[in-house]
Amino acid sequence: MSGYYTYYSEGFFGFGPPGTFRPYTIMHFAPILLCVVCIMLAWRKRDALMSWEKEPRLRYVLAACMLSMEFGFFLWLLYVGDTSGNYLMMSKLPLHTCDMGLMVCVFMVLSRNKTLFGINFFVTLFGASLACIIPQTVLDCADPAYFRYYQYFGEHLVPIFCTVYMIIVHSMKPRYRDIWIAAASLAVMLIPSFKLNEAFPGSDYLFLKLDTSLFPENQYARAVIYMVIIIIVFHAMWLLWRFAVRKWDCFRREESAGTSLDSPILPTIDEFAEMCYNGNKETKRKLRG
């Protein structure tokens, strides 16, 4: 968290002194491990989740959790105050990559829209994962004794879980064109970020004002470099996804070759997607009936 905080800094909803959060210790890895366990449980129970009549309610709960984490941050800011740049709240508007990913994720889990999933796949899995790897850049003044610790990891890990959940349970897949849709969405966010960074000293939207010698100080030149890096990273993510799909299909063929005619055969990714799609249609038919 950049800047200095005033008013109610004591207690659970306050904050600690700089250095309270200790990265790469149990307090760092515990919430990440919890997210991994939840993903593993979703994988083990995927068949039951696919056919569960109340599965939509679970997605509503996940969406509500994400919204509560996002709005909880701003309520928390109103409580502790933020004087960075002498502007209350104006340097903390939801115009960061993870804010965008979270809001897209909310609508994605509610609508199961493929385009929203594609945007979320690249933006959230990149931005939120990076935020969980190096949280000390933002979470310096909070540990498990403070609300901000839970809000921060919840805001980043729940969208990650939701993205993987939609892959596992609803067999949603990123498309190559989603790379460019996600990159274009981030490019659109640059427009208000430029203006706000200039209008309000202390603002650092999209990290265009990040204090580092790795990039030029000019935020416009830095934005161009950021976009090039993002497009490269998104392509790397796409290649890793395709590699994983091919490995699964190879594993499926090897399993099929070594089984009898009466043994179950693992589906390919496309066959698995078709099974999920037909299963969802059948569930809807039963609910209507």
Protein backbone atom coordinates (compact mmCIF):
# COMPACT_ATOMS: atom_id res chain seq x y z
CA MET A 1 0.00 0.00 0.00
CA SER A 2 1.50 3.28 -1.04
CA GLY A 3 1.01 6.43 0.98
CA TYR A 4 0.37 7.10 4.65
CA TYR A 5 -2.84 6.32 6.47
CA THR A 6 -4.65 8.30 9.14
CA TYR A 7 -7.66 8.07 11.48
CA TYR A 8 -8.51 4.59 12.76
CA SER A 9 -5.31 2.63 12.35
CA GLU A 10 -5.83 0.42 15.41
CA GLY A 11 -7.54 -2.95 15.60
CA PHE A 12 -8.62 -5.54 13.05
CA PHE A 13 -9.73 -2.95 10.48
CA GLY A 14 -6.59 -0.88 10.87
CA PHE A 15 -3.05 -1.61 9.72
CA GLY A 16 0.34 -2.34 11.16
CA PRO A 17 3.72 -0.67 10.79
CA PRO A 18 5.70 -1.11 7.54
CA GLY A 19 7.13 -4.58 7.30
CA THR A 20 4.23 -6.25 9.13
CA PHE A 21 3.66 -8.60 6.19
CA ARG A 22 6.51 -11.09 5.78
CA PRO A 23 6.62 -12.46 2.22
CA TYR A 24 7.39 -16.09 1.41
CA THR A 25 6.43 -17.32 4.87
CA ILE A 26 3.40 -19.29 6.05
CA MET A 27 1.27 -16.11 6.10
CA HIS A 28 2.05 -15.70 2.38
CA PHE A 29 1.59 -19.29 1.24
CA ALA A 30 -1.39 -20.34 3.41
CA PRO A 31 -4.12 -18.58 1.35
CA ILE A 32 -2.50 -19.73 -1.90
CA LEU A 33 -2.46 -23.33 -0.69
CA LEU A 34 -6.11 -22.99 0.34
CA CYS A 35 -6.97 -21.88 -3.21
CA VAL A 36 -5.07 -24.87 -4.63
CA VAL A 37 -6.97 -27.25 -2.33
CA CYS A 38 -10.30 -25.74 -3.47
CA ILE A 39 -9.29 -26.22 -7.12
CA MET A 40 -8.36 -29.85 -6.43
CA LEU A 41 -11.72 -30.43 -4.72
CA ALA A 42 -13.54 -28.90 -7.68
CA TRP A 43 -11.64 -31.26 -9.99
CA ARG A 44 -12.45 -34.33 -7.89
CA LYS A 45 -16.12 -33.37 -7.63
CA ARG A 46 -16.48 -32.07 -11.19
CA ASP A 47 -19.01 -34.71 -12.25
CA ALA A 48 -21.21 -33.99 -9.26
CA LEU A 49 -20.92 -30.24 -9.81
CA MET A 50 -21.87 -30.59 -13.49
CA SER A 51 -25.11 -32.34 -12.63
CA TRP A 52 -25.89 -30.46 -9.42
CA GLU A 53 -29.19 -28.61 -9.76
CA LYS A 54 -28.08 -25.86 -7.38
CA GLU A 55 -24.75 -25.25 -9.11
CA PRO A 56 -25.92 -21.82 -10.38
CA ARG A 57 -26.38 -20.78 -6.75
CA LEU A 58 -22.76 -21.63 -6.08
CA ARG A 59 -21.74 -19.28 -8.88
CA TYR A 60 -23.97 -16.57 -7.39
CA VAL A 61 -22.17 -17.02 -4.08
CA LEU A 62 -18.79 -16.76 -5.79
CA ALA A 63 -19.89 -13.57 -7.55
CA ALA A 64 -21.15 -12.11 -4.27
CA CYS A 65 -17.84 -12.96 -2.59
CA MET A 66 -15.89 -11.13 -5.29
CA LEU A 67 -18.12 -8.07 -5.12
CA SER A 68 -17.86 -7.98 -1.32
CA MET A 69 -14.06 -8.12 -1.55
CA GLU A 70 -13.97 -5.27 -4.07
CA PHE A 71 -16.39 -2.97 -2.27
CA GLY A 72 -14.93 -3.98 1.08
CA PHE A 73 -11.66 -2.39 0.05
CA PHE A 74 -13.28 1.00 -0.53
CA LEU A 75 -15.27 0.80 2.70
CA TRP A 76 -12.01 0.00 4.45
CA LEU A 77 -10.37 3.02 2.82
CA LEU A 78 -13.17 5.23 4.11
CA TYR A 79 -12.48 3.87 7.57
CA VAL A 80 -8.68 4.24 7.67
CA GLY A 81 -8.34 7.14 5.23
CA ASP A 82 -5.72 7.57 2.54
CA THR A 83 -3.68 10.75 2.26
CA SER A 84 -1.30 9.64 -0.50
CA GLY A 85 -1.00 12.67 -2.79
CA ASN A 86 -3.36 14.56 -0.44
CA TYR A 87 -6.36 13.15 -2.27
CA LEU A 88 -8.79 10.87 -0.48
CA MET A 89 -9.90 7.91 -2.63
CA MET A 90 -9.01 9.54 -5.96
CA SER A 91 -5.77 7.56 -6.19
CA LYS A 92 -7.59 4.30 -5.43
CA LEU A 93 -10.32 4.09 -8.06
CA PRO A 94 -10.91 0.57 -9.49
CA LEU A 95 -8.84 1.07 -12.62
CA HIS A 96 -6.13 -1.50 -12.06
CA THR A 97 -5.70 -4.76 -13.93
CA CYS A 98 -6.96 -6.89 -11.03
CA ASP A 99 -10.00 -4.65 -10.54
CA MET A 100 -10.92 -5.09 -14.18
CA GLY A 101 -10.33 -8.86 -13.99
CA LEU A 102 -12.50 -9.18 -10.89
CA MET A 103 -15.45 -7.29 -12.37
CA VAL A 104 -15.22 -9.26 -15.62
CA CYS A 105 -15.05 -12.44 -13.55
CA VAL A 106 -18.26 -11.53 -11.71
CA PHE A 107 -20.21 -11.23 -14.95
CA MET A 108 -18.43 -14.26 -16.39
CA VAL A 109 -19.49 -16.66 -13.63
CA LEU A 110 -23.06 -15.35 -13.78
CA SER A 111 -23.46 -15.47 -17.55
CA ARG A 112 -20.90 -18.12 -18.59
CA ASN A 113 -20.08 -15.86 -21.52
CA LYS A 114 -17.19 -17.19 -23.62
CA THR A 115 -15.79 -13.77 -24.50
CA LEU A 116 -15.79 -12.67 -20.86
CA PHE A 117 -14.08 -15.94 -19.95
CA GLY A 118 -11.41 -15.31 -22.58
CA ILE A 119 -10.70 -11.84 -21.21
CA ASN A 120 -10.67 -13.18 -17.67
CA PHE A 121 -8.40 -16.10 -18.54
CA PHE A 122 -5.58 -13.82 -19.64
CA VAL A 123 -6.13 -10.75 -17.45
CA THR A 124 -6.89 -12.53 -14.17
CA LEU A 125 -4.53 -15.48 -14.41
CA PHE A 126 -1.71 -13.07 -15.26
CA GLY A 127 -2.50 -10.05 -13.08
CA ALA A 128 -3.93 -11.77 -10.01
CA SER A 129 -1.28 -14.49 -10.01
CA LEU A 130 1.45 -11.87 -10.17
CA ALA A 131 -0.19 -9.98 -7.29
CA CYS A 132 -0.14 -13.17 -5.20
CA ILE A 133 3.49 -13.90 -6.03
CA ILE A 134 4.73 -10.45 -4.95
CA PRO A 135 2.07 -9.14 -2.53
CA GLN A 136 4.65 -7.27 -0.45
CA THR A 137 4.62 -4.41 -2.98
CA VAL A 138 1.07 -3.57 -1.82
CA LEU A 139 0.46 -5.52 1.38
CA ASP A 140 3.38 -4.25 3.45
CA CYS A 141 1.31 -3.13 6.47
CA ALA A 142 -1.03 -6.08 7.05
CA ASP A 143 -0.76 -9.65 8.32
CA PRO A 144 -3.42 -12.20 9.40
CA ALA A 145 -4.35 -9.94 12.30
CA TYR A 146 -5.84 -7.36 9.91
CA PHE A 147 -8.85 -7.26 7.60
CA ARG A 148 -6.78 -5.98 4.69
CA TYR A 149 -4.81 -9.26 4.58
CA TYR A 150 -7.95 -11.33 3.96
CA GLN A 151 -9.46 -8.78 1.62
CA TYR A 152 -6.31 -8.64 -0.51
CA PHE A 153 -5.88 -12.37 -0.97
CA GLY A 154 -9.62 -12.90 -1.38
CA GLU A 155 -9.79 -10.23 -4.07
CA HIS A 156 -7.07 -11.98 -6.07
CA LEU A 157 -7.49 -15.68 -5.30
CA VAL A 158 -11.28 -16.00 -5.67
CA PRO A 159 -11.15 -14.78 -9.33
CA ILE A 160 -8.32 -17.26 -9.98
CA PHE A 161 -10.42 -20.06 -8.51
CA CYS A 162 -13.47 -18.98 -10.53
CA THR A 163 -11.48 -18.98 -13.77
CA VAL A 164 -10.17 -22.51 -13.18
CA TYR A 165 -13.61 -23.59 -11.94
CA MET A 166 -15.20 -22.54 -15.23
CA ILE A 167 -12.58 -24.61 -17.08
CA ILE A 168 -13.13 -27.68 -14.91
CA VAL A 169 -16.90 -27.64 -14.46
CA HIS A 170 -18.13 -25.78 -17.56
CA SER A 171 -15.24 -26.74 -19.86
CA MET A 172 -14.71 -23.18 -21.03
CA LYS A 173 -11.63 -22.64 -23.19
CA PRO A 174 -9.68 -19.54 -24.23
CA ARG A 175 -9.55 -18.70 -27.92
CA TYR A 176 -6.64 -17.09 -29.71
CA ARG A 177 -8.66 -13.98 -30.50
CA ASP A 178 -9.24 -13.54 -26.76
CA ILE A 179 -5.60 -12.47 -26.49
CA TRP A 180 -6.34 -9.39 -28.57
CA ILE A 181 -9.69 -8.72 -26.92
CA ALA A 182 -8.04 -8.79 -23.48
CA ALA A 183 -5.15 -6.60 -24.66
CA ALA A 184 -7.57 -4.13 -26.25
CA SER A 185 -9.57 -3.96 -23.01
CA LEU A 186 -6.42 -3.04 -21.09
CA ALA A 187 -5.52 -0.49 -23.76
CA VAL A 188 -8.91 1.19 -23.28
CA MET A 189 -8.20 1.43 -19.54
CA LEU A 190 -5.06 3.42 -20.35
CA ILE A 191 -7.11 6.44 -21.43
CA PRO A 192 -8.59 7.37 -18.02
CA SER A 193 -5.39 6.18 -16.32
CA PHE A 194 -3.29 8.75 -18.19
CA LYS A 195 -5.62 11.58 -17.17
CA LEU A 196 -5.96 10.52 -13.53
CA ASN A 197 -2.23 10.02 -13.09
CA GLU A 198 -1.65 13.54 -14.38
CA ALA A 199 -4.52 15.15 -12.46
CA PHE A 200 -3.88 13.59 -9.05
CA PRO A 201 -0.30 13.42 -7.76
CA GLY A 202 0.32 10.17 -5.96
CA SER A 203 -1.85 8.15 -8.33
CA ASP A 204 -0.31 5.14 -10.02
CA TYR A 205 -3.02 3.64 -12.19
CA LEU A 206 -1.88 0.60 -14.15
CA PHE A 207 1.55 1.15 -12.55
CA LEU A 208 2.36 3.83 -15.10
CA LYS A 209 4.01 5.90 -12.36
CA LEU A 210 5.76 3.04 -10.59
CA ASP A 211 9.07 4.13 -9.12
CA THR A 212 11.50 1.93 -11.04
CA SER A 213 14.53 2.41 -13.25
CA LEU A 214 13.56 -0.52 -15.48
CA PHE A 215 11.23 1.61 -17.60
CA PRO A 216 11.23 5.25 -18.80
CA GLU A 217 9.58 7.81 -16.54
CA ASN A 218 7.24 9.04 -19.26
CA GLN A 219 3.97 7.17 -18.72
CA TYR A 220 3.07 7.17 -22.41
CA ALA A 221 6.35 5.50 -23.39
CA ARG A 222 5.95 3.13 -20.44
CA ALA A 223 2.42 2.21 -21.59
CA VAL A 224 3.73 1.14 -25.00
CA ILE A 225 6.35 -1.08 -23.36
CA TYR A 226 3.76 -2.52 -20.98
CA MET A 227 1.42 -3.41 -23.83
CA VAL A 228 4.19 -5.16 -25.77
CA ILE A 229 5.11 -7.18 -22.67
CA ILE A 230 1.47 -8.03 -21.99
CA ILE A 231 0.88 -9.27 -25.53
CA ILE A 232 4.01 -11.43 -25.30
CA VAL A 233 2.92 -12.85 -21.93
CA PHE A 234 -0.60 -13.53 -23.22
CA HIS A 235 0.85 -15.45 -26.16
CA ALA A 236 3.03 -17.44 -23.78
CA MET A 237 -0.06 -18.30 -21.73
CA TRP A 238 -1.87 -19.36 -24.90
CA LEU A 239 1.03 -21.63 -25.91
CA LEU A 240 1.13 -23.18 -22.43
CA TRP A 241 -2.61 -23.83 -22.65
CA ARG A 242 -2.28 -25.48 -26.05
CA PHE A 243 0.64 -27.55 -24.76
CA ALA A 244 -1.46 -28.73 -21.80
CA VAL A 245 -4.35 -29.61 -24.12
CA ARG A 246 -2.08 -31.66 -26.38
CA LYS A 247 -0.56 -33.45 -23.37
CA TRP A 248 -4.05 -34.35 -22.15
CA ASP A 249 -5.02 -35.64 -25.58
CA CYS A 250 -1.80 -37.70 -25.79
CA PHE A 251 -2.50 -39.12 -22.34
CA ARG A 252 -6.02 -39.93 -23.44
CA ARG A 253 -4.79 -41.80 -26.52
CA GLU A 254 -2.25 -43.77 -24.47
CA GLU A 255 -4.93 -44.74 -21.96
CA SER A 256 -7.29 -45.71 -24.76
CA ALA A 257 -4.64 -47.90 -26.41
CA GLY A 258 -4.11 -49.88 -23.22
CA THR A 259 -7.77 -50.48 -22.31
CA SER A 260 -10.27 -53.13 -23.31
CA LEU A 261 -13.44 -52.40 -25.20
CA ASP A 262 -15.43 -52.45 -21.97
CA SER A 263 -13.11 -50.01 -20.15
CA PRO A 264 -13.95 -46.31 -19.93
CA ILE A 265 -12.00 -44.06 -22.30
CA LEU A 266 -10.89 -40.62 -21.25
CA PRO A 267 -12.36 -37.90 -23.48
CA THR A 268 -10.34 -35.34 -25.39
CA ILE A 269 -10.65 -31.69 -24.40
CA ASP A 270 -13.16 -31.04 -27.20
CA GLU A 271 -15.16 -34.16 -26.32
CA PHE A 272 -15.13 -33.12 -22.66
CA ALA A 273 -16.44 -29.68 -23.63
CA GLU A 274 -19.24 -31.26 -25.66
CA MET A 275 -20.14 -33.54 -22.73
CA CYS A 276 -20.35 -30.54 -20.40
CA TYR A 277 -22.43 -28.58 -22.89
CA ASN A 278 -24.90 -31.41 -23.38
CA GLY A 279 -24.98 -32.05 -19.64
CA ASN A 280 -25.84 -28.43 -18.94
CA LYS A 281 -28.62 -28.51 -21.54
CA GLU A 282 -30.03 -31.67 -19.97
CA THR A 283 -29.92 -30.12 -16.49
CA LYS A 284 -31.77 -27.04 -17.73
CA ARG A 285 -34.40 -29.27 -19.39
CA LYS A 286 -34.97 -31.15 -16.16
CA LEU A 287 -35.26 -27.94 -14.17
CA ARG A 288 -37.83 -26.54 -16.61
CA GLY A 289 -39.74 -29.82 -16.50
